[in-house]
N, C-alpha and C. Protein backbone atom coordinates (compact mmCIF):
# COMPACT_ATOMS: atom_id res chain seq x y z
N VAL A 1 0.78 -1.12 -0.07
CA VAL A 1 -0.04 0.05 0.01
C VAL A 1 0.87 1.26 0.00
N GLU A 2 1.89 1.24 0.78
CA GLU A 2 2.85 2.34 0.88
C GLU A 2 3.45 2.69 -0.50
N GLN A 3 3.89 1.49 -1.09
CA GLN A 3 4.57 1.70 -2.51
C GLN A 3 3.59 2.27 -3.44
N VAL A 4 2.32 1.94 -3.42
CA VAL A 4 1.27 2.42 -4.34
C VAL A 4 1.09 3.88 -4.06
N ALA A 5 0.93 4.22 -2.76
CA ALA A 5 0.72 5.55 -2.37
C ALA A 5 1.87 6.48 -2.74
N ASN A 6 3.05 5.91 -2.93
CA ASN A 6 4.24 6.80 -3.23
C ASN A 6 4.45 7.06 -4.76
N LEU A 7 3.55 6.31 -5.52
CA LEU A 7 3.65 6.56 -6.99
C LEU A 7 3.20 8.00 -7.22
N SER A 8 3.86 8.64 -8.05
CA SER A 8 3.58 10.09 -8.31
C SER A 8 2.10 10.26 -8.84
N LEU A 9 1.70 9.43 -9.61
CA LEU A 9 0.31 9.50 -10.18
C LEU A 9 -0.68 9.41 -8.99
N VAL A 10 -0.55 8.41 -8.09
CA VAL A 10 -1.48 8.15 -7.00
C VAL A 10 -1.44 9.31 -6.02
N SER A 11 -0.18 9.57 -5.60
CA SER A 11 -0.12 10.68 -4.59
C SER A 11 -0.53 12.05 -5.11
N SER A 12 -0.36 12.40 -6.30
CA SER A 12 -0.82 13.72 -6.81
C SER A 12 -2.40 13.60 -6.96
N ALA A 13 -2.90 12.53 -7.43
CA ALA A 13 -4.30 12.36 -7.49
C ALA A 13 -4.99 12.44 -6.06
N CYS A 14 -4.36 11.87 -5.08
CA CYS A 14 -4.91 11.86 -3.62
C CYS A 14 -4.73 13.43 -3.19
N ASP A 15 -3.77 14.05 -3.52
CA ASP A 15 -3.69 15.52 -3.15
C ASP A 15 -4.66 16.40 -3.78
N MET A 16 -4.99 16.15 -5.07
CA MET A 16 -6.06 16.79 -5.74
C MET A 16 -7.37 16.60 -5.09
N VAL A 17 -7.68 15.23 -4.78
CA VAL A 17 -8.99 14.96 -4.11
C VAL A 17 -9.08 15.52 -2.71
N SER A 18 -8.01 15.53 -2.02
CA SER A 18 -7.97 16.09 -0.71
C SER A 18 -8.16 17.62 -0.70
N ALA A 19 -7.49 18.23 -1.68
CA ALA A 19 -7.68 19.74 -1.72
C ALA A 19 -9.11 20.10 -2.19
N ALA A 20 -9.70 19.28 -3.03
CA ALA A 20 -11.15 19.48 -3.46
C ALA A 20 -12.07 19.26 -2.28
N TYR A 21 -11.78 18.27 -1.50
CA TYR A 21 -12.65 17.92 -0.36
C TYR A 21 -12.59 19.12 0.60
N ALA A 22 -11.32 19.55 0.89
CA ALA A 22 -11.22 20.62 1.90
C ALA A 22 -11.85 21.90 1.39
N SER A 23 -11.72 22.19 0.13
CA SER A 23 -12.31 23.33 -0.50
C SER A 23 -13.86 23.35 -0.33
N THR A 24 -14.35 22.12 -0.70
CA THR A 24 -15.79 22.02 -0.67
C THR A 24 -16.31 22.07 0.76
N LYS A 25 -15.59 21.50 1.77
CA LYS A 25 -16.00 21.59 3.17
C LYS A 25 -15.95 23.18 3.58
N ASP A 26 -15.03 23.91 3.22
CA ASP A 26 -14.79 25.32 3.51
C ASP A 26 -15.96 26.22 2.85
N SER A 27 -16.29 25.79 1.67
CA SER A 27 -17.29 26.66 0.76
C SER A 27 -18.71 26.36 1.19
N HIS A 28 -19.04 25.17 1.74
CA HIS A 28 -20.45 24.86 1.98
C HIS A 28 -20.66 24.40 3.40
N PRO A 29 -21.14 25.23 4.25
CA PRO A 29 -21.35 24.92 5.60
C PRO A 29 -22.21 23.80 5.95
N TYR A 30 -23.26 23.49 5.11
CA TYR A 30 -24.14 22.29 5.31
C TYR A 30 -23.33 21.05 5.09
N LEU A 31 -22.52 21.05 3.94
CA LEU A 31 -21.73 19.88 3.74
C LEU A 31 -20.67 19.66 4.66
N ARG A 32 -20.09 20.70 5.28
CA ARG A 32 -19.06 20.58 6.23
C ARG A 32 -19.65 19.77 7.43
N SER A 33 -20.85 20.03 7.88
CA SER A 33 -21.40 19.33 9.05
C SER A 33 -21.51 17.89 8.64
N VAL A 34 -22.01 17.56 7.47
CA VAL A 34 -22.12 16.18 7.06
C VAL A 34 -20.83 15.47 6.93
N CYS A 35 -19.82 16.17 6.35
CA CYS A 35 -18.54 15.61 6.25
C CYS A 35 -17.81 15.37 7.53
N ASP A 36 -18.07 16.25 8.48
CA ASP A 36 -17.47 16.17 9.80
C ASP A 36 -18.09 14.92 10.57
N ALA A 37 -19.40 14.73 10.34
CA ALA A 37 -20.05 13.61 10.93
C ALA A 37 -19.58 12.21 10.33
N ALA A 38 -19.38 12.33 8.96
CA ALA A 38 -18.96 11.15 8.31
C ALA A 38 -17.51 10.70 8.80
N GLU A 39 -16.65 11.81 8.95
CA GLU A 39 -15.22 11.59 9.35
C GLU A 39 -15.23 11.01 10.76
N ARG A 40 -16.03 11.52 11.66
CA ARG A 40 -16.11 10.98 13.01
C ARG A 40 -16.51 9.45 12.91
N GLY A 41 -17.48 9.18 12.13
CA GLY A 41 -17.97 7.71 11.99
C GLY A 41 -16.89 6.83 11.47
N VAL A 42 -16.15 7.32 10.48
CA VAL A 42 -15.13 6.48 9.82
C VAL A 42 -14.00 6.28 10.90
N GLN A 43 -13.72 7.36 11.63
CA GLN A 43 -12.57 7.23 12.64
C GLN A 43 -12.99 6.22 13.72
N SER A 44 -14.22 6.22 14.15
CA SER A 44 -14.72 5.33 15.15
C SER A 44 -14.59 3.89 14.72
N VAL A 45 -15.16 3.66 13.44
CA VAL A 45 -15.10 2.34 12.86
C VAL A 45 -13.66 1.93 12.66
N THR A 46 -12.87 2.74 12.28
CA THR A 46 -11.33 2.34 12.07
C THR A 46 -10.73 1.94 13.35
N GLU A 47 -10.99 2.75 14.33
CA GLU A 47 -10.43 2.43 15.70
C GLU A 47 -10.93 1.00 16.26
N ALA A 48 -12.23 0.89 16.17
CA ALA A 48 -12.84 -0.47 16.56
C ALA A 48 -12.26 -1.64 15.83
N THR A 49 -12.16 -1.39 14.44
CA THR A 49 -11.67 -2.52 13.59
C THR A 49 -10.22 -2.78 13.85
N ALA A 50 -9.44 -1.77 14.10
CA ALA A 50 -7.95 -2.00 14.35
C ALA A 50 -7.77 -2.79 15.56
N SER A 51 -8.48 -2.51 16.61
CA SER A 51 -8.28 -3.36 17.83
C SER A 51 -8.67 -4.84 17.68
N CYS A 52 -9.71 -5.09 16.90
CA CYS A 52 -10.21 -6.41 16.64
C CYS A 52 -9.23 -7.17 15.71
N VAL A 53 -8.76 -6.49 14.68
CA VAL A 53 -7.95 -7.11 13.64
C VAL A 53 -6.47 -7.32 14.09
N GLN A 54 -6.05 -6.56 14.92
CA GLN A 54 -4.60 -6.60 15.29
C GLN A 54 -4.11 -8.05 15.74
N PRO A 55 -4.85 -8.77 16.54
CA PRO A 55 -4.37 -10.19 16.81
C PRO A 55 -4.35 -11.12 15.59
N VAL A 56 -5.28 -10.94 14.70
CA VAL A 56 -5.37 -11.70 13.44
C VAL A 56 -4.15 -11.35 12.59
N LEU A 57 -3.82 -10.06 12.41
CA LEU A 57 -2.68 -9.72 11.64
C LEU A 57 -1.34 -10.24 12.21
N ALA A 58 -1.25 -10.28 13.58
CA ALA A 58 0.00 -10.80 14.13
C ALA A 58 0.10 -12.20 13.85
N THR A 59 -0.95 -12.99 13.64
CA THR A 59 -0.83 -14.36 13.29
C THR A 59 -0.44 -14.57 11.81
N LEU A 60 -1.06 -13.62 11.00
CA LEU A 60 -0.95 -13.76 9.61
C LEU A 60 0.37 -13.03 9.00
N GLU A 61 1.15 -12.43 9.99
CA GLU A 61 2.27 -11.55 9.63
C GLU A 61 3.23 -12.37 8.49
N PRO A 62 3.62 -13.55 8.77
CA PRO A 62 4.57 -14.10 7.75
C PRO A 62 3.87 -14.20 6.37
N HIS A 63 2.64 -14.45 6.25
CA HIS A 63 1.91 -14.56 4.93
C HIS A 63 1.73 -13.13 4.45
N VAL A 64 1.49 -12.14 5.22
CA VAL A 64 1.37 -10.83 4.75
C VAL A 64 2.67 -10.33 4.25
N ALA A 65 3.78 -10.64 4.89
CA ALA A 65 5.11 -10.28 4.46
C ALA A 65 5.47 -10.87 3.07
N ALA A 66 5.09 -12.05 2.89
CA ALA A 66 5.36 -12.70 1.63
C ALA A 66 4.51 -12.04 0.52
N ALA A 67 3.30 -11.84 0.80
CA ALA A 67 2.32 -11.24 -0.19
C ALA A 67 2.83 -9.79 -0.51
N SER A 68 3.31 -9.09 0.45
CA SER A 68 3.80 -7.72 0.30
C SER A 68 4.98 -7.72 -0.58
N GLU A 69 5.95 -8.70 -0.39
CA GLU A 69 7.09 -8.71 -1.19
C GLU A 69 6.76 -9.09 -2.65
N TYR A 70 5.78 -9.99 -2.89
CA TYR A 70 5.27 -10.42 -4.17
C TYR A 70 4.65 -9.18 -4.94
N ALA A 71 3.82 -8.52 -4.10
CA ALA A 71 3.13 -7.29 -4.62
C ALA A 71 4.17 -6.17 -5.11
N ALA A 72 5.16 -6.07 -4.27
CA ALA A 72 6.15 -4.99 -4.52
C ALA A 72 6.87 -5.32 -5.80
N LYS A 73 7.26 -6.61 -6.05
CA LYS A 73 7.88 -6.96 -7.32
C LYS A 73 6.99 -6.64 -8.45
N GLY A 74 5.68 -7.01 -8.25
CA GLY A 74 4.71 -6.74 -9.32
C GLY A 74 4.58 -5.29 -9.70
N LEU A 75 4.57 -4.47 -8.59
CA LEU A 75 4.47 -2.96 -8.85
C LEU A 75 5.74 -2.46 -9.49
N ASP A 76 6.88 -2.94 -9.13
CA ASP A 76 8.14 -2.59 -9.88
C ASP A 76 7.98 -2.87 -11.31
N LYS A 77 7.59 -4.01 -11.72
CA LYS A 77 7.46 -4.49 -13.17
C LYS A 77 6.37 -3.54 -13.82
N LEU A 78 5.30 -3.20 -13.18
CA LEU A 78 4.29 -2.48 -13.62
C LEU A 78 4.82 -1.00 -13.95
N GLY A 79 5.63 -0.55 -12.96
CA GLY A 79 6.19 0.75 -13.13
C GLY A 79 7.11 0.86 -14.27
N GLU A 80 7.78 -0.19 -14.57
CA GLU A 80 8.72 -0.22 -15.73
C GLU A 80 7.96 -0.20 -17.04
N LYS A 81 6.92 -0.96 -17.05
CA LYS A 81 6.04 -0.97 -18.33
C LYS A 81 5.09 0.16 -18.39
N LEU A 82 4.71 0.88 -17.40
CA LEU A 82 3.96 2.00 -17.45
C LEU A 82 4.56 3.23 -16.78
N PRO A 83 5.40 3.93 -17.45
CA PRO A 83 6.01 5.14 -16.93
C PRO A 83 5.17 6.19 -16.50
N LEU A 84 3.91 6.15 -16.98
CA LEU A 84 2.89 7.10 -16.74
C LEU A 84 2.70 7.17 -15.16
N LEU A 85 2.85 6.07 -14.58
CA LEU A 85 2.65 6.00 -13.05
C LEU A 85 3.65 6.80 -12.20
N GLN A 86 4.73 7.20 -12.93
CA GLN A 86 5.75 7.94 -12.22
C GLN A 86 5.53 9.46 -12.49
N LYS A 87 4.53 9.86 -13.20
CA LYS A 87 4.20 11.20 -13.50
C LYS A 87 2.99 11.77 -12.59
N PRO A 88 3.04 13.00 -12.16
CA PRO A 88 1.92 13.58 -11.52
C PRO A 88 0.68 13.81 -12.37
N VAL A 89 -0.48 13.82 -11.84
CA VAL A 89 -1.68 14.05 -12.70
C VAL A 89 -1.64 15.26 -13.49
N GLU A 90 -1.11 16.44 -12.84
CA GLU A 90 -0.98 17.66 -13.65
C GLU A 90 -0.16 17.48 -14.80
N GLN A 91 0.94 16.84 -14.83
CA GLN A 91 1.78 16.61 -15.97
C GLN A 91 1.09 15.75 -17.04
N ILE A 92 0.44 14.74 -16.60
CA ILE A 92 -0.26 13.84 -17.49
C ILE A 92 -1.36 14.74 -18.35
N LEU A 93 -2.09 15.51 -17.52
CA LEU A 93 -3.21 16.34 -18.10
C LEU A 93 -2.55 17.28 -19.09
N SER A 94 -1.45 17.99 -18.63
CA SER A 94 -0.75 18.90 -19.60
C SER A 94 -0.35 18.24 -20.83
N ASP A 95 0.36 17.03 -20.71
CA ASP A 95 0.80 16.31 -21.86
C ASP A 95 -0.30 15.88 -22.78
N THR A 96 -1.47 15.58 -22.24
CA THR A 96 -2.62 15.09 -22.94
C THR A 96 -3.18 16.30 -23.75
N LYS A 97 -3.32 17.43 -23.01
CA LYS A 97 -3.79 18.61 -23.70
C LYS A 97 -2.99 19.01 -24.90
N GLU A 98 -1.68 18.97 -24.69
CA GLU A 98 -0.58 19.44 -25.70
C GLU A 98 -0.79 18.48 -26.84
N LEU A 99 -0.84 17.09 -26.63
CA LEU A 99 -1.04 16.18 -27.69
C LEU A 99 -2.22 16.37 -28.51
N VAL A 100 -3.44 16.65 -27.79
CA VAL A 100 -4.67 16.85 -28.54
C VAL A 100 -4.62 18.06 -29.26
N SER A 101 -4.06 19.09 -28.69
CA SER A 101 -3.94 20.41 -29.45
C SER A 101 -3.19 20.23 -30.68
N SER A 102 -2.04 19.55 -30.65
CA SER A 102 -1.24 19.34 -31.81
C SER A 102 -1.90 18.46 -32.90
N ARG A 103 -2.63 17.54 -32.48
CA ARG A 103 -3.44 16.61 -33.37
C ARG A 103 -4.55 17.55 -34.01
N VAL A 104 -5.24 18.33 -33.19
CA VAL A 104 -6.30 19.14 -33.80
C VAL A 104 -5.67 20.13 -34.77
N ALA A 105 -4.59 20.73 -34.48
CA ALA A 105 -3.88 21.65 -35.43
C ALA A 105 -3.53 20.95 -36.75
N GLU A 106 -3.04 19.70 -36.65
CA GLU A 106 -2.61 18.86 -37.81
C GLU A 106 -3.93 18.71 -38.68
N VAL A 107 -5.03 18.31 -38.04
CA VAL A 107 -6.26 18.00 -38.78
C VAL A 107 -6.75 19.41 -39.38
N LYS A 108 -6.70 20.43 -38.75
CA LYS A 108 -7.25 21.69 -39.27
C LYS A 108 -6.32 22.08 -40.50
N GLU A 109 -5.00 21.78 -40.38
CA GLU A 109 -4.11 22.19 -41.44
C GLU A 109 -4.49 21.27 -42.63
N ALA A 110 -4.74 19.92 -42.50
CA ALA A 110 -4.90 18.98 -43.49
C ALA A 110 -6.28 19.31 -44.19
N VAL A 111 -7.37 19.76 -43.37
CA VAL A 111 -8.55 20.14 -43.95
C VAL A 111 -8.43 21.41 -44.71
N SER A 112 -7.71 22.37 -44.35
CA SER A 112 -7.62 23.64 -45.09
C SER A 112 -6.72 23.50 -46.33
N SER A 113 -5.94 22.44 -46.36
CA SER A 113 -5.06 22.20 -47.54
C SER A 113 -5.99 21.56 -48.56
């Protein structure tokens, strides 16, 4: 999970969603109260679940470590095959806009010719 969260694409997308969420809460007082209640609920459930799951995780630790190592290798291979994962969302959007603009310009030029 940590390795996925550290991918530029994922971390920048999370930052964008977090900023949008915070902005929405700040801009809309009614939504703020609903969001605050939802956050408290999620925090309570998380705390309750963590205390129940902890003994199970301790038992499964060797299996979780093996699965984690396997997943890390898979993510490394995926990162090699998809360099897009190493770019932040803003750069991907910018590159895409640039590519679309150049293609549209080429089509316009071809049509006008």
